[in-house]
Structures are given as structure tokens and as C-alpha cells.
C-alpha atoms as a PDB file:
ATOM      1  CA  MET A   1      43.133   5.080-171.285  1.00  0.00           C
ATOM      2  CA  SER A   2      41.761   7.190-174.120  1.00  0.00           C
ATOM      3  CA  ALA A   3      43.707  10.146-175.487  1.00  0.00           C
ATOM      4  CA  ASN A   4      41.026  12.543-174.263  1.00  0.00           C
ATOM      5  CA  LYS A   5      41.191  11.217-170.704  1.00  0.00           C
ATOM      6  CA  SER A   6      44.982  11.333-170.805  1.00  0.00           C
ATOM      7  CA  LEU A   7      44.923  14.969-171.920  1.00  0.00           C
ATOM      8  CA  TRP A   8      42.498  15.989-169.171  1.00  0.00           C
ATOM      9  CA  MET A   9      44.505  14.058-166.608  1.00  0.00           C
ATOM     10  CA  ALA A  10      47.722  15.807-167.689  1.00  0.00           C
ATOM     11  CA  ILE A  11      46.056  19.214-167.419  1.00  0.00           C
ATOM     12  CA  MET A  12      44.518  18.467-164.035  1.00  0.00           C
ATOM     13  CA  VAL A  13      47.849  17.214-162.647  1.00  0.00           C
ATOM     14  CA  SER A  14      50.044  19.955-164.097  1.00  0.00           C
ATOM     15  CA  LEU A  15      47.784  22.923-163.358  1.00  0.00           C
ATOM     16  CA  PRO A  16      48.016  22.770-159.533  1.00  0.00           C
ATOM     17  CA  ILE A  17      51.764  22.126-159.716  1.00  0.00           C
ATOM     18  CA  SER A  18      52.302  25.074-162.035  1.00  0.00           C
ATOM     19  CA  LEU A  19      50.189  27.362-159.846  1.00  0.00           C
ATOM     20  CA  ALA A  20      52.411  26.544-156.889  1.00  0.00           C
ATOM     21  CA  LEU A  21      55.587  27.654-158.681  1.00  0.00           C
ATOM     22  CA  PRO A  22      56.677  31.249-158.201  1.00  0.00           C
ATOM     23  CA  LEU A  23      56.549  33.159-161.492  1.00  0.00           C
ATOM     24  CA  SER A  24      57.538  36.666-162.425  1.00  0.00           C
ATOM     25  CA  ALA A  25      54.888  38.839-164.084  1.00  0.00           C
ATOM     26  CA  ALA A  26      56.473  38.490-167.548  1.00  0.00           C
ATOM     27  CA  GLU A  27      57.071  34.734-167.344  1.00  0.00           C
ATOM     28  CA  LYS A  28      54.358  32.481-168.813  1.00  0.00           C
ATOM     29  CA  LEU A  29      54.326  28.729-169.059  1.00  0.00           C
ATOM     30  CA  LYS A  30      54.158  27.371-172.578  1.00  0.00           C
ATOM     31  CA  ALA A  31      51.443  24.780-173.194  1.00  0.00           C
ATOM     32  CA  LEU A  32      50.773  22.701-176.285  1.00  0.00           C
ATOM     33  CA  ILE A  33      47.381  21.120-176.903  1.00  0.00           C
ATOM     34  CA  VAL A  34      47.553  18.328-179.488  1.00  0.00           C
ATOM     35  CA  ASP A  35      44.208  17.307-180.954  1.00  0.00           C
ATOM     36  CA  GLY A  36      42.671  15.731-184.042  1.00  0.00           C
ATOM     37  CA  GLN A  37      42.779  12.086-183.001  1.00  0.00           C
ATOM     38  CA  ASN A  38      39.162  11.508-182.022  1.00  0.00           C
ATOM     39  CA  ASN A  39      36.282  10.539-184.299  1.00  0.00           C
ATOM     40  CA  HIS A  40      33.580  12.683-182.724  1.00  0.00           C
ATOM     41  CA  GLU A  41      32.528  16.260-183.374  1.00  0.00           C
ATOM     42  CA  VAL A  42      33.234  17.820-179.981  1.00  0.00           C
ATOM     43  CA  TRP A  43      37.042  17.961-179.876  1.00  0.00           C
ATOM     44  CA  PRO A  44      37.536  21.177-181.927  1.00  0.00           C
ATOM     45  CA  LYS A  45      35.245  23.110-179.579  1.00  0.00           C
ATOM     46  CA  SER A  46      36.715  21.608-176.409  1.00  0.00           C
ATOM     47  CA  THR A  47      40.232  22.407-177.619  1.00  0.00           C
ATOM     48  CA  ILE A  48      39.358  26.081-178.065  1.00  0.00           C
ATOM     49  CA  MET A  49      37.664  26.121-174.652  1.00  0.00           C
ATOM     50  CA  MET A  50      40.738  24.605-172.956  1.00  0.00           C
ATOM     51  CA  LYS A  51      42.986  27.141-174.678  1.00  0.00           C
ATOM     52  CA  GLN A  52      40.790  30.037-173.517  1.00  0.00           C
ATOM     53  CA  TYR A  53      40.591  28.730-169.940  1.00  0.00           C
ATOM     54  CA  LEU A  54      44.353  28.370-169.689  1.00  0.00           C
ATOM     55  CA  GLU A  55      45.114  31.768-171.237  1.00  0.00           C
ATOM     56  CA  GLU A  56      42.530  33.546-169.055  1.00  0.00           C
ATOM     57  CA  THR A  57      44.568  32.592-165.978  1.00  0.00           C
ATOM     58  CA  GLY A  58      47.373  34.773-167.310  1.00  0.00           C
ATOM     59  CA  LEU A  59      49.851  31.980-166.574  1.00  0.00           C
ATOM     60  CA  PHE A  60      49.951  30.212-169.929  1.00  0.00           C
ATOM     61  CA  GLU A  61      50.887  30.838-173.521  1.00  0.00           C
ATOM     62  CA  VAL A  62      48.982  28.148-175.442  1.00  0.00           C
ATOM     63  CA  GLU A  63      49.544  26.725-178.909  1.00  0.00           C
ATOM     64  CA  ILE A  64      47.371  24.144-180.663  1.00  0.00           C
ATOM     65  CA  GLY A  65      48.877  21.347-182.733  1.00  0.00           C
ATOM     66  CA  ARG A  66      46.247  19.638-184.830  1.00  0.00           C
ATOM     67  CA  THR A  67      47.207  16.273-186.271  1.00  0.00           C
ATOM     68  CA  HIS A  68      45.840  15.069-189.573  1.00  0.00           C
ATOM     69  CA  TYR A  69      42.303  13.860-188.918  1.00  0.00           C
ATOM     70  CA  ILE A  70      41.503  10.430-190.340  1.00  0.00           C
ATOM     71  CA  TRP A  71      37.997   9.000-190.147  1.00  0.00           C
ATOM     72  CA  LYS A  72      38.314   5.237-189.586  1.00  0.00           C
ATOM     73  CA  SER A  73      34.672   4.299-189.281  1.00  0.00           C
ATOM     74  CA  GLU A  74      32.806   2.278-191.884  1.00  0.00           C
ATOM     75  CA  ARG A  75      29.842   4.633-191.780  1.00  0.00           C
ATOM     76  CA  GLU A  76      29.794   8.288-192.792  1.00  0.00           C
END
């Protein structure tokens, strides 16, 4: 399974579970989005979108961890 699919799967599984938990108004769940491993141009934008979606719920405090990006293709 690709890293992107794994990330989406983790979000889709954890989101309903976290919504079912009782939370006080001041308590937010901490989320970490790790990106930088894909060799296409969409991941920076999708990371920001995921962060915004999660924070807009008011349930999450989101941080982004970007790994060192390495281009492994033979073409530029």
C-alpha cells in the first residue's frame, strides 16, 4: 500500500473514532501529518488542505512534519 493511501486510511479510520470520544471544550487531539515522501507535485497542497480540514472541526491541533524530499527519478 502506498504511503498516501496509508495516510488517508489512517485519517478515515481515526476521525470517526475520535469524534465518538467525549471531549471537553479546551481539549484538542494532537495530529501529526508527515509528508515529503512522494515524487509528484500535489502532496504539499494536499497536506495543507488536510491540516485545514482537521483544524476547522475544532477538534484537532495539527502539526506538519516534512521529511527531506529526494527525487529518485532518472528524468527531471
